Amino acid sequence: MPSTLSGSVRMLESAPVVHIVDDDEGWRNSLAFLLQSVGIVALTYPLATTFLEELDSDEPAVVILEARMRGLSGLQLQERLALRDYPAPVLFCSAHGDIATTVRAMRAGAVGFLEKPYDPQVMLETVQEQIVEAETAFRERAGRRSIEARIDSLTPRELDVLRLVMEGLPSRQIASLLGASVKTIDVHRARIRAKADAESLGCLVRDLFQHRIKV
């Protein structure tokens, strides 16, 4: 089970939590105390598998990992989090910061790799910066998922129309390509806008491109 050290107070309900995954009890507890000293909520886990079992993937968070641990390593955990579409910034703090390990972590998307013993001020500044990034990342994922759910409600023909709208074609050209009347295409456009709960098709197209959603 994850543990919160005594005395921690969540400053804001929506503020991201920091997950510390390290099989060295002394290191993870000392880091948790450091973060909690400035009001950051920190949860600690002795094993990567424990973290995965307890993780609330919808809660905004920053993850701090030891690269080498018993069982699942920090690098393997990083890979599994990516497969889950988990957008939390991942920061490594490890006594095993050789070049190959660092390069692998950074190529997989880690936001940093600090060596033990870490500088407390550098750690605090890094975590505080990533908390801001986490809020943005989780907000963007929520927005993307909301749009994807609405797009999933479209019929095959409505998807055909939307793809052509995204190419910038007007109703008359879409009608010609799909063998339908302009009136029918306009009905499809109206239904797409309503199902997507968009102010306009232009706004919907903008959001699809912004979130890199393929239709």
N, C-alpha and C. Protein backbone atom coordinates (compact mmCIF):
# COMPACT_ATOMS: atom_id res chain seq x y z
N MET A 1 0.84 -1.19 0.00
CA MET A 1 0.00 0.00 0.00
C MET A 1 0.88 1.25 0.00
N PRO A 2 0.46 2.35 -0.69
CA PRO A 2 1.22 3.58 -0.63
C PRO A 2 1.09 4.17 0.75
N SER A 3 2.08 4.96 1.14
CA SER A 3 2.00 5.58 2.46
C SER A 3 2.21 7.06 2.36
N THR A 4 1.48 7.81 3.19
CA THR A 4 1.69 9.24 3.32
C THR A 4 2.33 9.44 4.67
N LEU A 5 3.43 10.16 4.72
CA LEU A 5 4.07 10.41 6.00
C LEU A 5 3.24 11.39 6.80
N SER A 6 3.28 11.28 8.11
CA SER A 6 2.45 12.11 8.97
C SER A 6 2.75 13.58 8.78
N GLY A 7 1.71 14.40 8.94
CA GLY A 7 1.88 15.84 8.87
C GLY A 7 1.63 16.41 7.49
N SER A 8 1.39 15.59 6.49
CA SER A 8 1.16 16.12 5.15
C SER A 8 -0.26 16.65 5.03
N VAL A 9 -0.39 17.78 4.36
CA VAL A 9 -1.70 18.39 4.15
C VAL A 9 -1.81 18.77 2.69
N ARG A 10 -2.86 18.33 2.04
CA ARG A 10 -3.06 18.69 0.65
C ARG A 10 -3.53 20.14 0.59
N MET A 11 -2.73 20.98 -0.08
CA MET A 11 -3.03 22.40 -0.13
C MET A 11 -4.26 22.67 -0.99
N LEU A 12 -4.38 21.95 -2.09
CA LEU A 12 -5.53 22.09 -2.98
C LEU A 12 -5.99 20.71 -3.39
N GLU A 13 -7.29 20.48 -3.41
CA GLU A 13 -7.80 19.16 -3.78
C GLU A 13 -7.34 18.75 -5.18
N SER A 14 -7.23 19.74 -6.08
CA SER A 14 -6.88 19.43 -7.45
C SER A 14 -5.36 19.42 -7.69
N ALA A 15 -4.58 19.76 -6.66
CA ALA A 15 -3.13 19.82 -6.84
C ALA A 15 -2.56 18.42 -7.07
N PRO A 16 -1.63 18.27 -8.02
CA PRO A 16 -1.04 16.97 -8.28
C PRO A 16 -0.31 16.40 -7.07
N VAL A 17 -0.32 15.09 -6.96
CA VAL A 17 0.41 14.39 -5.92
C VAL A 17 1.73 13.91 -6.53
N VAL A 18 2.75 13.73 -5.70
CA VAL A 18 4.02 13.21 -6.18
C VAL A 18 4.17 11.77 -5.70
N HIS A 19 4.36 10.84 -6.64
CA HIS A 19 4.56 9.44 -6.33
C HIS A 19 6.06 9.14 -6.32
N ILE A 20 6.55 8.59 -5.22
CA ILE A 20 7.96 8.24 -5.10
C ILE A 20 8.07 6.72 -5.06
N VAL A 21 8.73 6.16 -6.08
CA VAL A 21 8.86 4.70 -6.18
C VAL A 21 10.34 4.36 -6.03
N ASP A 22 10.69 3.77 -4.88
CA ASP A 22 12.09 3.48 -4.57
C ASP A 22 12.13 2.36 -3.55
N ASP A 23 12.94 1.33 -3.77
CA ASP A 23 12.98 0.22 -2.83
C ASP A 23 13.89 0.48 -1.63
N ASP A 24 14.48 1.67 -1.57
CA ASP A 24 15.27 2.08 -0.41
C ASP A 24 14.38 2.93 0.50
N GLU A 25 13.97 2.35 1.62
CA GLU A 25 13.02 3.03 2.50
C GLU A 25 13.54 4.37 3.00
N GLY A 26 14.82 4.43 3.35
CA GLY A 26 15.38 5.68 3.85
C GLY A 26 15.32 6.79 2.83
N TRP A 27 15.67 6.49 1.58
CA TRP A 27 15.66 7.49 0.52
C TRP A 27 14.26 7.98 0.23
N ARG A 28 13.33 7.04 0.08
CA ARG A 28 11.98 7.48 -0.29
C ARG A 28 11.32 8.28 0.82
N ASN A 29 11.57 7.90 2.07
CA ASN A 29 10.96 8.65 3.18
C ASN A 29 11.59 10.03 3.34
N SER A 30 12.91 10.12 3.16
CA SER A 30 13.57 11.43 3.29
C SER A 30 13.11 12.37 2.19
N LEU A 31 12.93 11.83 0.99
CA LEU A 31 12.45 12.67 -0.11
C LEU A 31 11.00 13.09 0.13
N ALA A 32 10.19 12.19 0.65
CA ALA A 32 8.80 12.55 0.96
C ALA A 32 8.76 13.67 2.00
N PHE A 33 9.59 13.58 3.03
CA PHE A 33 9.63 14.63 4.05
C PHE A 33 10.05 15.96 3.44
N LEU A 34 11.02 15.93 2.54
CA LEU A 34 11.47 17.17 1.89
C LEU A 34 10.32 17.82 1.13
N LEU A 35 9.60 17.05 0.34
CA LEU A 35 8.51 17.60 -0.46
C LEU A 35 7.38 18.09 0.43
N GLN A 36 7.07 17.33 1.47
CA GLN A 36 5.98 17.72 2.37
C GLN A 36 6.32 18.97 3.16
N SER A 37 7.62 19.27 3.31
CA SER A 37 8.03 20.46 4.05
C SER A 37 7.61 21.75 3.35
N VAL A 38 7.32 21.65 2.03
CA VAL A 38 6.84 22.83 1.29
C VAL A 38 5.40 22.64 0.83
N GLY A 39 4.69 21.71 1.46
CA GLY A 39 3.26 21.54 1.20
C GLY A 39 2.90 20.66 0.04
N ILE A 40 3.86 19.89 -0.47
CA ILE A 40 3.58 18.99 -1.59
C ILE A 40 3.18 17.62 -1.04
N VAL A 41 2.09 17.08 -1.50
CA VAL A 41 1.65 15.75 -1.07
C VAL A 41 2.50 14.69 -1.76
N ALA A 42 3.10 13.79 -0.97
CA ALA A 42 3.96 12.75 -1.51
C ALA A 42 3.51 11.39 -1.02
N LEU A 43 3.38 10.45 -1.95
CA LEU A 43 3.07 9.07 -1.61
C LEU A 43 4.28 8.21 -1.94
N THR A 44 4.58 7.23 -1.09
CA THR A 44 5.77 6.41 -1.31
C THR A 44 5.41 4.95 -1.54
N TYR A 45 6.22 4.29 -2.38
CA TYR A 45 5.99 2.89 -2.74
C TYR A 45 7.32 2.15 -2.76
N PRO A 46 7.38 0.97 -2.15
CA PRO A 46 8.63 0.21 -2.13
C PRO A 46 8.90 -0.58 -3.41
N LEU A 47 7.86 -0.82 -4.19
CA LEU A 47 7.98 -1.61 -5.41
C LEU A 47 7.17 -0.99 -6.54
N ALA A 48 7.66 -1.18 -7.76
CA ALA A 48 6.93 -0.67 -8.93
C ALA A 48 5.58 -1.35 -9.06
N THR A 49 5.51 -2.65 -8.75
CA THR A 49 4.25 -3.37 -8.87
C THR A 49 3.21 -2.84 -7.89
N THR A 50 3.66 -2.46 -6.72
CA THR A 50 2.74 -1.88 -5.73
C THR A 50 2.16 -0.57 -6.26
N PHE A 51 3.02 0.24 -6.84
CA PHE A 51 2.58 1.50 -7.41
C PHE A 51 1.54 1.28 -8.50
N LEU A 52 1.80 0.35 -9.40
CA LEU A 52 0.87 0.08 -10.49
C LEU A 52 -0.48 -0.41 -9.98
N GLU A 53 -0.46 -1.22 -8.92
CA GLU A 53 -1.70 -1.75 -8.36
C GLU A 53 -2.55 -0.64 -7.73
N GLU A 54 -1.90 0.34 -7.13
CA GLU A 54 -2.61 1.38 -6.39
C GLU A 54 -2.86 2.66 -7.18
N LEU A 55 -2.29 2.75 -8.37
CA LEU A 55 -2.32 4.00 -9.13
C LEU A 55 -3.72 4.40 -9.57
N ASP A 56 -4.08 5.65 -9.29
CA ASP A 56 -5.28 6.27 -9.85
C ASP A 56 -4.82 7.06 -11.06
N SER A 57 -5.01 6.51 -12.24
CA SER A 57 -4.44 7.11 -13.44
C SER A 57 -5.11 8.41 -13.86
N ASP A 58 -6.22 8.77 -13.21
CA ASP A 58 -6.90 10.03 -13.54
C ASP A 58 -6.49 11.17 -12.61
N GLU A 59 -5.73 10.87 -11.58
CA GLU A 59 -5.31 11.89 -10.62
C GLU A 59 -4.02 12.54 -11.11
N PRO A 60 -3.99 13.86 -11.30
CA PRO A 60 -2.77 14.53 -11.75
C PRO A 60 -1.60 14.21 -10.82
N ALA A 61 -0.44 13.95 -11.40
CA ALA A 61 0.68 13.52 -10.58
C ALA A 61 2.02 13.73 -11.28
N VAL A 62 3.07 13.68 -10.46
CA VAL A 62 4.45 13.61 -10.91
C VAL A 62 5.01 12.32 -10.32
N VAL A 63 5.83 11.60 -11.09
CA VAL A 63 6.38 10.33 -10.62
C VAL A 63 7.90 10.44 -10.53
N ILE A 64 8.45 10.06 -9.36
CA ILE A 64 9.90 10.04 -9.15
C ILE A 64 10.33 8.59 -8.99
N LEU A 65 11.27 8.14 -9.82
CA LEU A 65 11.65 6.73 -9.85
C LEU A 65 13.13 6.51 -9.59
N GLU A 66 13.42 5.41 -8.91
CA GLU A 66 14.77 4.84 -8.86
C GLU A 66 14.91 3.95 -10.09
N ALA A 67 16.03 4.05 -10.78
CA ALA A 67 16.20 3.29 -12.02
C ALA A 67 16.27 1.79 -11.76
N ARG A 68 17.02 1.38 -10.73
CA ARG A 68 17.19 -0.03 -10.44
C ARG A 68 16.51 -0.38 -9.13
N MET A 69 15.57 -1.31 -9.21
CA MET A 69 14.83 -1.75 -8.02
C MET A 69 14.61 -3.24 -8.08
N ARG A 70 14.27 -3.82 -6.96
CA ARG A 70 13.89 -5.22 -6.95
C ARG A 70 12.66 -5.42 -7.82
N GLY A 71 12.62 -6.52 -8.56
CA GLY A 71 11.47 -6.78 -9.41
C GLY A 71 11.49 -5.87 -10.62
N LEU A 72 10.38 -5.19 -10.87
CA LEU A 72 10.25 -4.29 -12.02
C LEU A 72 11.15 -3.07 -11.81
N SER A 73 12.00 -2.78 -12.77
CA SER A 73 12.89 -1.63 -12.63
C SER A 73 12.16 -0.33 -12.92
N GLY A 74 12.81 0.78 -12.58
CA GLY A 74 12.22 2.08 -12.89
C GLY A 74 12.04 2.30 -14.37
N LEU A 75 13.00 1.83 -15.17
CA LEU A 75 12.89 1.98 -16.62
C LEU A 75 11.74 1.15 -17.18
N GLN A 76 11.55 -0.04 -16.65
CA GLN A 76 10.42 -0.87 -17.09
C GLN A 76 9.10 -0.26 -16.67
N LEU A 77 9.08 0.31 -15.48
CA LEU A 77 7.86 0.98 -15.01
C LEU A 77 7.53 2.18 -15.90
N GLN A 78 8.54 2.93 -16.28
CA GLN A 78 8.33 4.07 -17.18
C GLN A 78 7.67 3.61 -18.48
N GLU A 79 8.12 2.49 -19.02
CA GLU A 79 7.55 1.96 -20.25
C GLU A 79 6.08 1.56 -20.07
N ARG A 80 5.77 0.95 -18.94
CA ARG A 80 4.39 0.53 -18.70
C ARG A 80 3.46 1.72 -18.52
N LEU A 81 3.95 2.77 -17.90
CA LEU A 81 3.13 3.97 -17.73
C LEU A 81 2.82 4.60 -19.09
N ALA A 82 3.79 4.58 -19.99
CA ALA A 82 3.57 5.13 -21.32
C ALA A 82 2.50 4.32 -22.07
N LEU A 83 2.51 3.01 -21.90
CA LEU A 83 1.52 2.16 -22.55
C LEU A 83 0.12 2.43 -22.02
N ARG A 84 0.03 2.92 -20.80
CA ARG A 84 -1.28 3.23 -20.19
C ARG A 84 -1.78 4.61 -20.58
N ASP A 85 -1.03 5.34 -21.41
CA ASP A 85 -1.39 6.72 -21.75
C ASP A 85 -1.45 7.56 -20.48
N TYR A 86 -0.47 7.34 -19.61
CA TYR A 86 -0.41 8.06 -18.33
C TYR A 86 0.50 9.27 -18.52
N PRO A 87 -0.03 10.49 -18.47
CA PRO A 87 0.74 11.67 -18.85
C PRO A 87 1.60 12.31 -17.77
N ALA A 88 1.73 11.67 -16.60
CA ALA A 88 2.50 12.27 -15.52
C ALA A 88 3.97 12.44 -15.91
N PRO A 89 4.57 13.59 -15.63
CA PRO A 89 6.01 13.75 -15.85
C PRO A 89 6.77 12.73 -15.00
N VAL A 90 7.78 12.10 -15.59
CA VAL A 90 8.58 11.09 -14.88
C VAL A 90 9.98 11.64 -14.66
N LEU A 91 10.39 11.68 -13.40
CA LEU A 91 11.71 12.16 -13.02
C LEU A 91 12.46 11.01 -12.35
N PHE A 92 13.67 10.75 -12.81
CA PHE A 92 14.49 9.71 -12.17
C PHE A 92 15.41 10.35 -11.13
N CYS A 93 15.53 9.69 -9.98
CA CYS A 93 16.51 10.06 -8.97
C CYS A 93 17.16 8.76 -8.55
N SER A 94 18.38 8.56 -8.99
CA SER A 94 18.98 7.23 -8.88
C SER A 94 20.46 7.27 -8.54
N ALA A 95 20.93 6.23 -7.88
CA ALA A 95 22.35 6.06 -7.62
C ALA A 95 23.02 5.35 -8.79
N HIS A 96 22.22 5.02 -9.80
CA HIS A 96 22.74 4.27 -10.95
C HIS A 96 22.56 5.09 -12.22
N GLY A 97 23.15 6.27 -12.23
CA GLY A 97 22.97 7.18 -13.36
C GLY A 97 24.05 7.08 -14.40
N ASP A 98 24.36 5.87 -14.87
CA ASP A 98 25.34 5.74 -15.94
C ASP A 98 24.75 6.30 -17.23
N ILE A 99 25.62 6.52 -18.21
CA ILE A 99 25.19 7.18 -19.44
C ILE A 99 24.10 6.40 -20.16
N ALA A 100 24.26 5.09 -20.27
CA ALA A 100 23.29 4.28 -21.00
C ALA A 100 21.91 4.34 -20.35
N THR A 101 21.87 4.27 -19.02
CA THR A 101 20.60 4.31 -18.30
C THR A 101 19.94 5.68 -18.45
N THR A 102 20.75 6.72 -18.33
CA THR A 102 20.22 8.08 -18.45
C THR A 102 19.66 8.33 -19.85
N VAL A 103 20.40 7.92 -20.86
CA VAL A 103 19.96 8.11 -22.25
C VAL A 103 18.66 7.36 -22.50
N ARG A 104 18.58 6.13 -22.02
CA ARG A 104 17.36 5.33 -22.23
C ARG A 104 16.16 6.01 -21.57
N ALA A 105 16.35 6.50 -20.35
CA ALA A 105 15.25 7.15 -19.64
C ALA A 105 14.80 8.42 -20.35
N MET A 106 15.75 9.23 -20.80
CA MET A 106 15.41 10.49 -21.44
C MET A 106 14.76 10.26 -22.80
N ARG A 107 15.23 9.27 -23.54
CA ARG A 107 14.62 8.97 -24.84
C ARG A 107 13.19 8.48 -24.67
N ALA A 108 12.91 7.85 -23.53
CA ALA A 108 11.56 7.35 -23.26
C ALA A 108 10.65 8.44 -22.70
N GLY A 109 11.19 9.65 -22.55
CA GLY A 109 10.35 10.77 -22.15
C GLY A 109 10.54 11.29 -20.75
N ALA A 110 11.54 10.80 -20.02
CA ALA A 110 11.78 11.33 -18.67
C ALA A 110 12.10 12.82 -18.73
N VAL A 111 11.63 13.57 -17.73
CA VAL A 111 11.85 15.01 -17.73
C VAL A 111 13.18 15.39 -17.09
N GLY A 112 13.84 14.42 -16.46
CA GLY A 112 15.12 14.68 -15.84
C GLY A 112 15.69 13.44 -15.19
N PHE A 113 16.99 13.49 -14.88
CA PHE A 113 17.66 12.37 -14.23
C PHE A 113 18.62 12.95 -13.20
N LEU A 114 18.24 12.91 -11.93
CA LEU A 114 19.07 13.42 -10.85
C LEU A 114 19.79 12.27 -10.18
N GLU A 115 21.04 12.50 -9.81
CA GLU A 115 21.81 11.46 -9.14
C GLU A 115 21.72 11.61 -7.63
N LYS A 116 21.73 10.48 -6.95
CA LYS A 116 21.81 10.47 -5.50
C LYS A 116 23.28 10.59 -5.09
N PRO A 117 23.59 11.34 -4.03
CA PRO A 117 22.64 12.15 -3.25
C PRO A 117 22.26 13.41 -4.02
N TYR A 118 20.98 13.75 -4.02
CA TYR A 118 20.49 14.89 -4.78
C TYR A 118 20.63 16.18 -3.98
N ASP A 119 20.65 17.29 -4.70
CA ASP A 119 20.65 18.61 -4.08
C ASP A 119 19.20 18.94 -3.72
N PRO A 120 18.88 19.14 -2.44
CA PRO A 120 17.48 19.39 -2.03
C PRO A 120 16.82 20.55 -2.78
N GLN A 121 17.57 21.64 -2.98
CA GLN A 121 16.98 22.79 -3.65
C GLN A 121 16.69 22.49 -5.11
N VAL A 122 17.60 21.80 -5.77
CA VAL A 122 17.38 21.41 -7.16
C VAL A 122 16.18 20.48 -7.26
N MET A 123 16.07 19.54 -6.32
CA MET A 123 14.94 18.62 -6.33
C MET A 123 13.63 19.37 -6.18
N LEU A 124 13.57 20.29 -5.21
CA LEU A 124 12.32 21.03 -4.98
C LEU A 124 11.94 21.86 -6.20
N GLU A 125 12.91 22.55 -6.77
CA GLU A 125 12.63 23.38 -7.94
C GLU A 125 12.16 22.53 -9.13
N THR A 126 12.81 21.39 -9.31
CA THR A 126 12.44 20.50 -10.42
C THR A 126 11.02 19.97 -10.24
N VAL A 127 10.70 19.51 -9.03
CA VAL A 127 9.38 18.95 -8.77
C VAL A 127 8.30 20.02 -8.91
N GLN A 128 8.57 21.21 -8.39
CA GLN A 128 7.57 22.28 -8.49
C GLN A 128 7.31 22.67 -9.95
N GLU A 129 8.35 22.66 -10.77
CA GLU A 129 8.17 22.94 -12.20
C GLU A 129 7.32 21.85 -12.85
N GLN A 130 7.57 20.61 -12.48
CA GLN A 130 6.85 19.50 -13.10
C GLN A 130 5.42 19.38 -12.61
N ILE A 131 5.14 19.88 -11.42
CA ILE A 131 3.75 19.92 -10.95
C ILE A 131 2.90 20.79 -11.88
N VAL A 132 3.47 21.92 -12.30
CA VAL A 132 2.77 22.79 -13.25
C VAL A 132 2.56 22.06 -14.57
N GLU A 133 3.61 21.35 -15.03
CA GLU A 133 3.50 20.59 -16.28
C GLU A 133 2.46 19.49 -16.16
N ALA A 134 2.40 18.86 -14.99
CA ALA A 134 1.44 17.76 -14.78
C ALA A 134 0.01 18.26 -14.89
N GLU A 135 -0.27 19.41 -14.31
CA GLU A 135 -1.62 19.97 -14.38
C GLU A 135 -2.04 20.17 -15.83
N THR A 136 -1.12 20.70 -16.64
CA THR A 136 -1.40 20.92 -18.05
C THR A 136 -1.58 19.60 -18.79
N ALA A 137 -0.70 18.64 -18.53
CA ALA A 137 -0.74 17.35 -19.23
C ALA A 137 -2.03 16.59 -18.96
N PHE A 138 -2.46 16.56 -17.71
CA PHE A 138 -3.68 15.82 -17.37
C PHE A 138 -4.92 16.54 -17.89
N ARG A 139 -4.88 17.88 -17.89
CA ARG A 139 -6.00 18.64 -18.44
C ARG A 139 -6.13 18.38 -19.94
N GLU A 140 -5.01 18.36 -20.64
CA GLU A 140 -5.04 18.12 -22.08
C GLU A 140 -5.51 16.70 -22.40
N ARG A 141 -5.07 15.72 -21.60
CA ARG A 141 -5.53 14.36 -21.85
C ARG A 141 -7.03 14.24 -21.63
N ALA A 142 -7.54 14.89 -20.59
CA ALA A 142 -8.98 14.86 -20.32
C ALA A 142 -9.75 15.47 -21.48
N GLY A 143 -9.22 16.58 -22.03
CA GLY A 143 -9.87 17.21 -23.17
C GLY A 143 -9.85 16.32 -24.39
N ARG A 144 -8.71 15.66 -24.63
CA ARG A 144 -8.61 14.77 -25.78
C ARG A 144 -9.57 13.60 -25.67
N ARG A 145 -9.64 13.01 -24.49
CA ARG A 145 -10.53 11.86 -24.29
C ARG A 145 -11.99 12.25 -24.46
N SER A 146 -12.33 13.46 -24.02
CA SER A 146 -13.71 13.93 -24.16
C SER A 146 -14.08 14.07 -25.63
N ILE A 147 -13.16 14.63 -26.42
CA ILE A 147 -13.42 14.79 -27.85
C ILE A 147 -13.50 13.42 -28.53
N GLU A 148 -12.59 12.52 -28.18
CA GLU A 148 -12.58 11.18 -28.78
C GLU A 148 -13.89 10.44 -28.51
N ALA A 149 -14.43 10.60 -27.30
CA ALA A 149 -15.68 9.93 -26.95
C ALA A 149 -16.83 10.45 -27.81
N ARG A 150 -16.82 11.75 -28.07
CA ARG A 150 -17.88 12.34 -28.89
C ARG A 150 -17.73 11.93 -30.36
N ILE A 151 -16.50 11.86 -30.83
CA ILE A 151 -16.27 11.43 -32.21
C ILE A 151 -16.70 9.99 -32.40
N ASP A 152 -16.54 9.17 -31.37
CA ASP A 152 -16.94 7.75 -31.46
C ASP A 152 -18.44 7.59 -31.66
N SER A 153 -19.21 8.65 -31.36
CA SER A 153 -20.67 8.56 -31.51
C SER A 153 -21.12 8.84 -32.94
N LEU A 154 -20.21 9.25 -33.81
CA LEU A 154 -20.58 9.57 -35.19
C LEU A 154 -20.78 8.30 -36.02
N THR A 155 -21.68 8.38 -36.98
CA THR A 155 -21.91 7.27 -37.89
C THR A 155 -20.78 7.22 -38.93
N PRO A 156 -20.63 6.11 -39.64
CA PRO A 156 -19.60 6.03 -40.69
C PRO A 156 -19.73 7.15 -41.73
N ARG A 157 -20.95 7.46 -42.15
CA ARG A 157 -21.12 8.52 -43.14
C ARG A 157 -20.75 9.89 -42.55
N GLU A 158 -21.11 10.12 -41.30
CA GLU A 158 -20.74 11.38 -40.66
C GLU A 158 -19.22 11.50 -40.54
N LEU A 159 -18.55 10.39 -40.31
CA LEU A 159 -17.09 10.41 -40.26
C LEU A 159 -16.51 10.74 -41.64
N ASP A 160 -17.12 10.20 -42.68
CA ASP A 160 -16.68 10.51 -44.04
C ASP A 160 -16.79 12.02 -44.30
N VAL A 161 -17.91 12.59 -43.90
CA VAL A 161 -18.13 14.02 -44.10
C VAL A 161 -17.11 14.82 -43.28
N LEU A 162 -16.89 14.41 -42.04
CA LEU A 162 -15.96 15.14 -41.18
C LEU A 162 -14.54 15.11 -41.75
N ARG A 163 -14.12 13.98 -42.28
CA ARG A 163 -12.78 13.89 -42.87
C ARG A 163 -12.62 14.89 -44.02
N LEU A 164 -13.65 15.02 -44.82
CA LEU A 164 -13.58 15.95 -45.95
C LEU A 164 -13.66 17.40 -45.49
N VAL A 165 -14.43 17.64 -44.43
CA VAL A 165 -14.46 18.98 -43.84
C VAL A 165 -13.06 19.35 -43.34
N MET A 166 -12.36 18.37 -42.75
CA MET A 166 -11.01 18.62 -42.24
C MET A 166 -10.03 18.92 -43.36
N GLU A 167 -10.37 18.51 -44.58
CA GLU A 167 -9.53 18.84 -45.73
C GLU A 167 -9.85 20.22 -46.29
N GLY A 168 -10.85 20.86 -45.69
CA GLY A 168 -11.21 22.22 -46.11
C GLY A 168 -12.19 22.30 -47.25
N LEU A 169 -12.89 21.19 -47.54
CA LEU A 169 -13.83 21.18 -48.66
C LEU A 169 -15.20 21.73 -48.25
N PRO A 170 -15.85 22.50 -49.09
CA PRO A 170 -17.20 23.00 -48.83
C PRO A 170 -18.23 21.91 -49.09
N SER A 171 -19.46 22.15 -48.67
CA SER A 171 -20.53 21.15 -48.80
C SER A 171 -20.74 20.69 -50.23
N ARG A 172 -20.65 21.61 -51.20
CA ARG A 172 -20.91 21.24 -52.59
C ARG A 172 -19.90 20.20 -53.08
N GLN A 173 -18.62 20.39 -52.77
CA GLN A 173 -17.61 19.43 -53.20
C GLN A 173 -17.75 18.10 -52.45
N ILE A 174 -18.09 18.17 -51.16
CA ILE A 174 -18.28 16.95 -50.38
C ILE A 174 -19.45 16.16 -50.95
N ALA A 175 -20.52 16.87 -51.30
CA ALA A 175 -21.70 16.21 -51.88
C ALA A 175 -21.33 15.49 -53.17
N SER A 176 -20.53 16.13 -54.01
CA SER A 176 -20.12 15.53 -55.28
C SER A 176 -19.28 14.28 -55.04
N LEU A 177 -18.36 14.35 -54.09
CA LEU A 177 -17.47 13.23 -53.82
C LEU A 177 -18.22 12.04 -53.22
N LEU A 178 -19.23 12.33 -52.41
CA LEU A 178 -19.96 11.26 -51.71
C LEU A 178 -21.24 10.85 -52.43
N GLY A 179 -21.54 11.51 -53.54
CA GLY A 179 -22.74 11.15 -54.28
C GLY A 179 -24.02 11.47 -53.54
N ALA A 180 -24.03 12.61 -52.87
CA ALA A 180 -25.21 13.02 -52.09
C ALA A 180 -25.57 14.45 -52.46
N SER A 181 -26.73 14.89 -51.99
CA SER A 181 -27.15 16.27 -52.25
C SER A 181 -26.48 17.20 -51.24
N VAL A 182 -26.39 18.46 -51.62
CA VAL A 182 -25.81 19.45 -50.72
C VAL A 182 -26.64 19.53 -49.44
N LYS A 183 -27.97 19.44 -49.57
CA LYS A 183 -28.84 19.49 -48.40
C LYS A 183 -28.53 18.35 -47.43
N THR A 184 -28.31 17.14 -47.98
CA THR A 184 -27.99 15.99 -47.13
C THR A 184 -26.66 16.20 -46.39
N ILE A 185 -25.68 16.75 -47.09
CA ILE A 185 -24.38 17.01 -46.47
C ILE A 185 -24.52 18.05 -45.36
N ASP A 186 -25.34 19.06 -45.60
CA ASP A 186 -25.54 20.08 -44.56
C ASP A 186 -26.22 19.49 -43.33
N VAL A 187 -27.10 18.52 -43.54
CA VAL A 187 -27.73 17.83 -42.40
C VAL A 187 -26.67 17.06 -41.62
N HIS A 188 -25.79 16.37 -42.34
CA HIS A 188 -24.71 15.62 -41.69
C HIS A 188 -23.82 16.58 -40.89
N ARG A 189 -23.50 17.71 -41.48
CA ARG A 189 -22.64 18.68 -40.80
C ARG A 189 -23.28 19.16 -39.50
N ALA A 190 -24.59 19.41 -39.56
CA ALA A 190 -25.31 19.87 -38.37
C ALA A 190 -25.31 18.78 -37.29
N ARG A 191 -25.49 17.54 -37.70
CA ARG A 191 -25.51 16.43 -36.74
C ARG A 191 -24.13 16.23 -36.12
N ILE A 192 -23.09 16.38 -36.92
CA ILE A 192 -21.73 16.25 -36.41
C ILE A 192 -21.47 17.31 -35.34
N ARG A 193 -21.85 18.55 -35.65
CA ARG A 193 -21.65 19.64 -34.70
C ARG A 193 -22.40 19.37 -33.41
N ALA A 194 -23.65 18.89 -33.53
CA ALA A 194 -24.46 18.64 -32.33
C ALA A 194 -23.89 17.50 -31.50
N LYS A 195 -23.52 16.40 -32.14
CA LYS A 195 -22.98 15.25 -31.40
C LYS A 195 -21.65 15.59 -30.74
N ALA A 196 -20.86 16.43 -31.40
CA ALA A 196 -19.56 16.81 -30.85
C ALA A 196 -19.67 17.93 -29.84
N ASP A 197 -20.90 18.47 -29.69
CA ASP A 197 -21.14 19.57 -28.76
C ASP A 197 -20.16 20.72 -29.02
N ALA A 198 -20.00 21.04 -30.32
CA ALA A 198 -19.06 22.09 -30.72
C ALA A 198 -19.81 23.36 -31.12
N GLU A 199 -19.19 24.50 -30.89
CA GLU A 199 -19.79 25.77 -31.29
C GLU A 199 -19.96 25.83 -32.80
N SER A 200 -19.00 25.24 -33.51
CA SER A 200 -19.05 25.21 -34.97
C SER A 200 -18.15 24.07 -35.44
N LEU A 201 -18.30 23.69 -36.70
CA LEU A 201 -17.41 22.66 -37.24
C LEU A 201 -15.97 23.16 -37.28
N GLY A 202 -15.81 24.46 -37.47
CA GLY A 202 -14.47 25.03 -37.46
C GLY A 202 -13.78 24.83 -36.12
N CYS A 203 -14.55 25.04 -35.04
CA CYS A 203 -13.99 24.84 -33.69
C CYS A 203 -13.65 23.37 -33.47
N LEU A 204 -14.51 22.47 -33.96
CA LEU A 204 -14.24 21.05 -33.81
C LEU A 204 -12.98 20.65 -34.56
N VAL A 205 -12.86 21.10 -35.80
CA VAL A 205 -11.68 20.78 -36.60
C VAL A 205 -10.42 21.31 -35.91
N ARG A 206 -10.49 22.50 -35.38
CA ARG A 206 -9.34 23.08 -34.66
C ARG A 206 -8.93 22.20 -33.49
N ASP A 207 -9.94 21.74 -32.71
CA ASP A 207 -9.65 20.90 -31.55
C ASP A 207 -9.07 19.55 -31.96
N LEU A 208 -9.56 19.00 -33.06
CA LEU A 208 -9.03 17.72 -33.52
C LEU A 208 -7.57 17.83 -33.92
N PHE A 209 -7.23 18.90 -34.61
CA PHE A 209 -5.83 19.10 -34.99
C PHE A 209 -4.97 19.42 -33.76
N GLN A 210 -5.52 20.21 -32.85
CA GLN A 210 -4.76 20.60 -31.66
C GLN A 210 -4.41 19.39 -30.81
N HIS A 211 -5.36 18.45 -30.68
CA HIS A 211 -5.11 17.26 -29.87
C HIS A 211 -4.58 16.08 -30.69
N ARG A 212 -4.32 16.34 -31.98
CA ARG A 212 -3.76 15.32 -32.86
C ARG A 212 -4.62 14.05 -32.90
N ILE A 213 -5.91 14.27 -33.02
CA ILE A 213 -6.86 13.15 -33.07
C ILE A 213 -7.12 12.79 -34.53
N LYS A 214 -6.90 11.53 -34.86
CA LYS A 214 -7.17 11.06 -36.21
C LYS A 214 -8.61 10.59 -36.32
N VAL A 215 -9.25 10.96 -37.41
CA VAL A 215 -10.66 10.60 -37.63
C VAL A 215 -10.73 9.48 -38.66
